[in-house]
Amino acid sequence: MKRNVTQTSIECYYSIKDLRGRQRQVYDAIKRWPYKTDREIAFNMGFGERNAVSPRRNELEHKGLIESCGSKVQENGKRALVWRVRRRPPYV
């Protein structure tokens, strides 16, 4: 079965392939535990504070690798965005 691969798909593949360090860890955590807030992602990764993941999560969002997919109320009563890996590569 032959498939057409778009340029954006190729670019997305290489941007994921080039992730290093904490960026890769956060990407893998969001892939493993979708629909979680920054705080929940940090907790699942063993960090005490959301600030341990939010800068890397922000970078992944700007690269188009993840997207917000809603929000939910946290224990403190405030709403927070939840995240997932993008289903389709970003359009250029």
C-alpha atoms as a PDB file:
ATOM      1  CA  MET A   1       0.000   0.000   0.000  1.00  0.00           C
ATOM      2  CA  LYS A   2       1.583   3.235  -1.145  1.00  0.00           C
ATOM      3  CA  ARG A   3       0.922   6.387   0.872  1.00  0.00           C
ATOM      4  CA  ASN A   4       1.453  10.030   0.079  1.00  0.00           C
ATOM      5  CA  VAL A   5       3.395  11.752   2.826  1.00  0.00           C
ATOM      6  CA  THR A   6       2.897  15.491   2.998  1.00  0.00           C
ATOM      7  CA  GLN A   7       5.727  17.890   3.736  1.00  0.00           C
ATOM      8  CA  THR A   8       4.058  18.889   7.017  1.00  0.00           C
ATOM      9  CA  SER A   9       4.001  15.249   8.112  1.00  0.00           C
ATOM     10  CA  ILE A  10       7.703  14.955   7.398  1.00  0.00           C
ATOM     11  CA  GLU A  11       8.447  18.185   9.290  1.00  0.00           C
ATOM     12  CA  CYS A  12       6.377  17.003  12.256  1.00  0.00           C
ATOM     13  CA  TYR A  13       8.222  13.667  12.307  1.00  0.00           C
ATOM     14  CA  TYR A  14      11.616  15.371  12.404  1.00  0.00           C
ATOM     15  CA  SER A  15      10.549  17.890  15.055  1.00  0.00           C
ATOM     16  CA  ILE A  16       9.453  15.004  17.318  1.00  0.00           C
ATOM     17  CA  LYS A  17      12.628  13.065  16.532  1.00  0.00           C
ATOM     18  CA  ASP A  18      14.769  16.060  17.565  1.00  0.00           C
ATOM     19  CA  LEU A  19      13.255  16.479  21.038  1.00  0.00           C
ATOM     20  CA  ARG A  20      15.805  16.198  23.843  1.00  0.00           C
ATOM     21  CA  GLY A  21      15.882  16.121  27.620  1.00  0.00           C
ATOM     22  CA  ARG A  22      12.926  17.511  29.513  1.00  0.00           C
ATOM     23  CA  GLN A  23      11.085  18.389  26.296  1.00  0.00           C
ATOM     24  CA  ARG A  24      11.094  14.715  25.280  1.00  0.00           C
ATOM     25  CA  GLN A  25      10.025  13.665  28.782  1.00  0.00           C
ATOM     26  CA  VAL A  26       7.075  16.083  28.789  1.00  0.00           C
ATOM     27  CA  TYR A  27       6.043  15.049  25.258  1.00  0.00           C
ATOM     28  CA  ASP A  28       6.129  11.373  26.254  1.00  0.00           C
ATOM     29  CA  ALA A  29       4.139  12.110  29.434  1.00  0.00           C
ATOM     30  CA  ILE A  30       1.421  13.945  27.484  1.00  0.00           C
ATOM     31  CA  LYS A  31       1.309  11.077  24.994  1.00  0.00           C
ATOM     32  CA  ARG A  32       1.032   8.544  27.821  1.00  0.00           C
ATOM     33  CA  TRP A  33      -1.436  10.565  29.955  1.00  0.00           C
ATOM     34  CA  PRO A  34      -3.574  12.722  27.639  1.00  0.00           C
ATOM     35  CA  TYR A  35      -6.225  15.145  28.924  1.00  0.00           C
ATOM     36  CA  LYS A  36      -4.130  16.186  31.944  1.00  0.00           C
ATOM     37  CA  THR A  37      -3.306  19.653  33.259  1.00  0.00           C
ATOM     38  CA  ASP A  38       0.268  20.896  33.736  1.00  0.00           C
ATOM     39  CA  ARG A  39      -0.064  20.140  37.446  1.00  0.00           C
ATOM     40  CA  GLU A  40      -1.258  16.571  36.794  1.00  0.00           C
ATOM     41  CA  ILE A  41       1.491  15.996  34.235  1.00  0.00           C
ATOM     42  CA  ALA A  42       4.098  17.210  36.730  1.00  0.00           C
ATOM     43  CA  PHE A  43       2.656  14.942  39.452  1.00  0.00           C
ATOM     44  CA  ASN A  44       2.625  11.905  37.125  1.00  0.00           C
ATOM     45  CA  MET A  45       6.258  12.620  36.206  1.00  0.00           C
ATOM     46  CA  GLY A  46       7.258  12.817  39.873  1.00  0.00           C
ATOM     47  CA  PHE A  47       7.734  16.584  40.099  1.00  0.00           C
ATOM     48  CA  GLY A  48       6.201  18.651  42.886  1.00  0.00           C
ATOM     49  CA  GLU A  49       5.441  21.775  40.881  1.00  0.00           C
ATOM     50  CA  ARG A  50       3.799  22.436  37.533  1.00  0.00           C
ATOM     51  CA  ASN A  51       6.635  24.867  36.794  1.00  0.00           C
ATOM     52  CA  ALA A  52       8.825  21.818  36.216  1.00  0.00           C
ATOM     53  CA  VAL A  53       6.862  21.031  33.032  1.00  0.00           C
ATOM     54  CA  SER A  54       4.997  24.154  31.900  1.00  0.00           C
ATOM     55  CA  PRO A  55       7.966  25.824  30.098  1.00  0.00           C
ATOM     56  CA  ARG A  56       8.647  22.643  28.072  1.00  0.00           C
ATOM     57  CA  ARG A  57       4.924  22.140  27.457  1.00  0.00           C
ATOM     58  CA  ASN A  58       4.737  25.702  26.152  1.00  0.00           C
ATOM     59  CA  GLU A  59       7.627  25.008  23.740  1.00  0.00           C
ATOM     60  CA  LEU A  60       5.900  21.838  22.495  1.00  0.00           C
ATOM     61  CA  GLU A  61       2.699  23.803  21.908  1.00  0.00           C
ATOM     62  CA  HIS A  62       4.578  26.436  19.885  1.00  0.00           C
ATOM     63  CA  LYS A  63       6.167  23.689  17.784  1.00  0.00           C
ATOM     64  CA  GLY A  64       2.660  22.394  17.029  1.00  0.00           C
ATOM     65  CA  LEU A  65       3.289  18.975  18.563  1.00  0.00           C
ATOM     66  CA  ILE A  66       0.613  19.200  21.264  1.00  0.00           C
ATOM     67  CA  GLU A  67      -2.670  21.071  21.638  1.00  0.00           C
ATOM     68  CA  SER A  68      -5.087  22.059  24.346  1.00  0.00           C
ATOM     69  CA  CYS A  69      -8.260  20.023  24.172  1.00  0.00           C
ATOM     70  CA  GLY A  70     -10.459  21.529  26.845  1.00  0.00           C
ATOM     71  CA  SER A  71     -10.223  22.475  30.478  1.00  0.00           C
ATOM     72  CA  LYS A  72     -11.202  21.172  33.868  1.00  0.00           C
ATOM     73  CA  VAL A  73     -11.549  22.437  37.400  1.00  0.00           C
ATOM     74  CA  GLN A  74      -8.570  21.678  39.618  1.00  0.00           C
ATOM     75  CA  GLU A  75      -8.582  20.962  43.347  1.00  0.00           C
ATOM     76  CA  ASN A  76      -8.010  24.659  44.053  1.00  0.00           C
ATOM     77  CA  GLY A  77     -11.238  25.529  42.197  1.00  0.00           C
ATOM     78  CA  LYS A  78      -9.484  27.170  39.237  1.00  0.00           C
ATOM     79  CA  ARG A  79      -9.855  26.028  35.654  1.00  0.00           C
ATOM     80  CA  ALA A  80      -6.795  24.770  33.792  1.00  0.00           C
ATOM     81  CA  LEU A  81      -6.225  23.621  30.219  1.00  0.00           C
ATOM     82  CA  VAL A  82      -5.739  19.937  29.484  1.00  0.00           C
ATOM     83  CA  TRP A  83      -3.326  18.737  26.796  1.00  0.00           C
ATOM     84  CA  ARG A  84      -2.910  15.992  24.205  1.00  0.00           C
ATOM     85  CA  VAL A  85      -0.528  15.143  21.383  1.00  0.00           C
ATOM     86  CA  ARG A  86      -1.823  16.552  18.104  1.00  0.00           C
ATOM     87  CA  ARG A  87      -3.627  14.041  15.974  1.00  0.00           C
ATOM     88  CA  ARG A  88      -2.497  15.686  12.738  1.00  0.00           C
ATOM     89  CA  PRO A  89       0.693  17.552  11.946  1.00  0.00           C
ATOM     90  CA  PRO A  90       0.459  21.338  12.031  1.00  0.00           C
ATOM     91  CA  TYR A  91      -0.351  23.146   8.816  1.00  0.00           C
ATOM     92  CA  VAL A  92       2.232  25.586   7.517  1.00  0.00           C
END
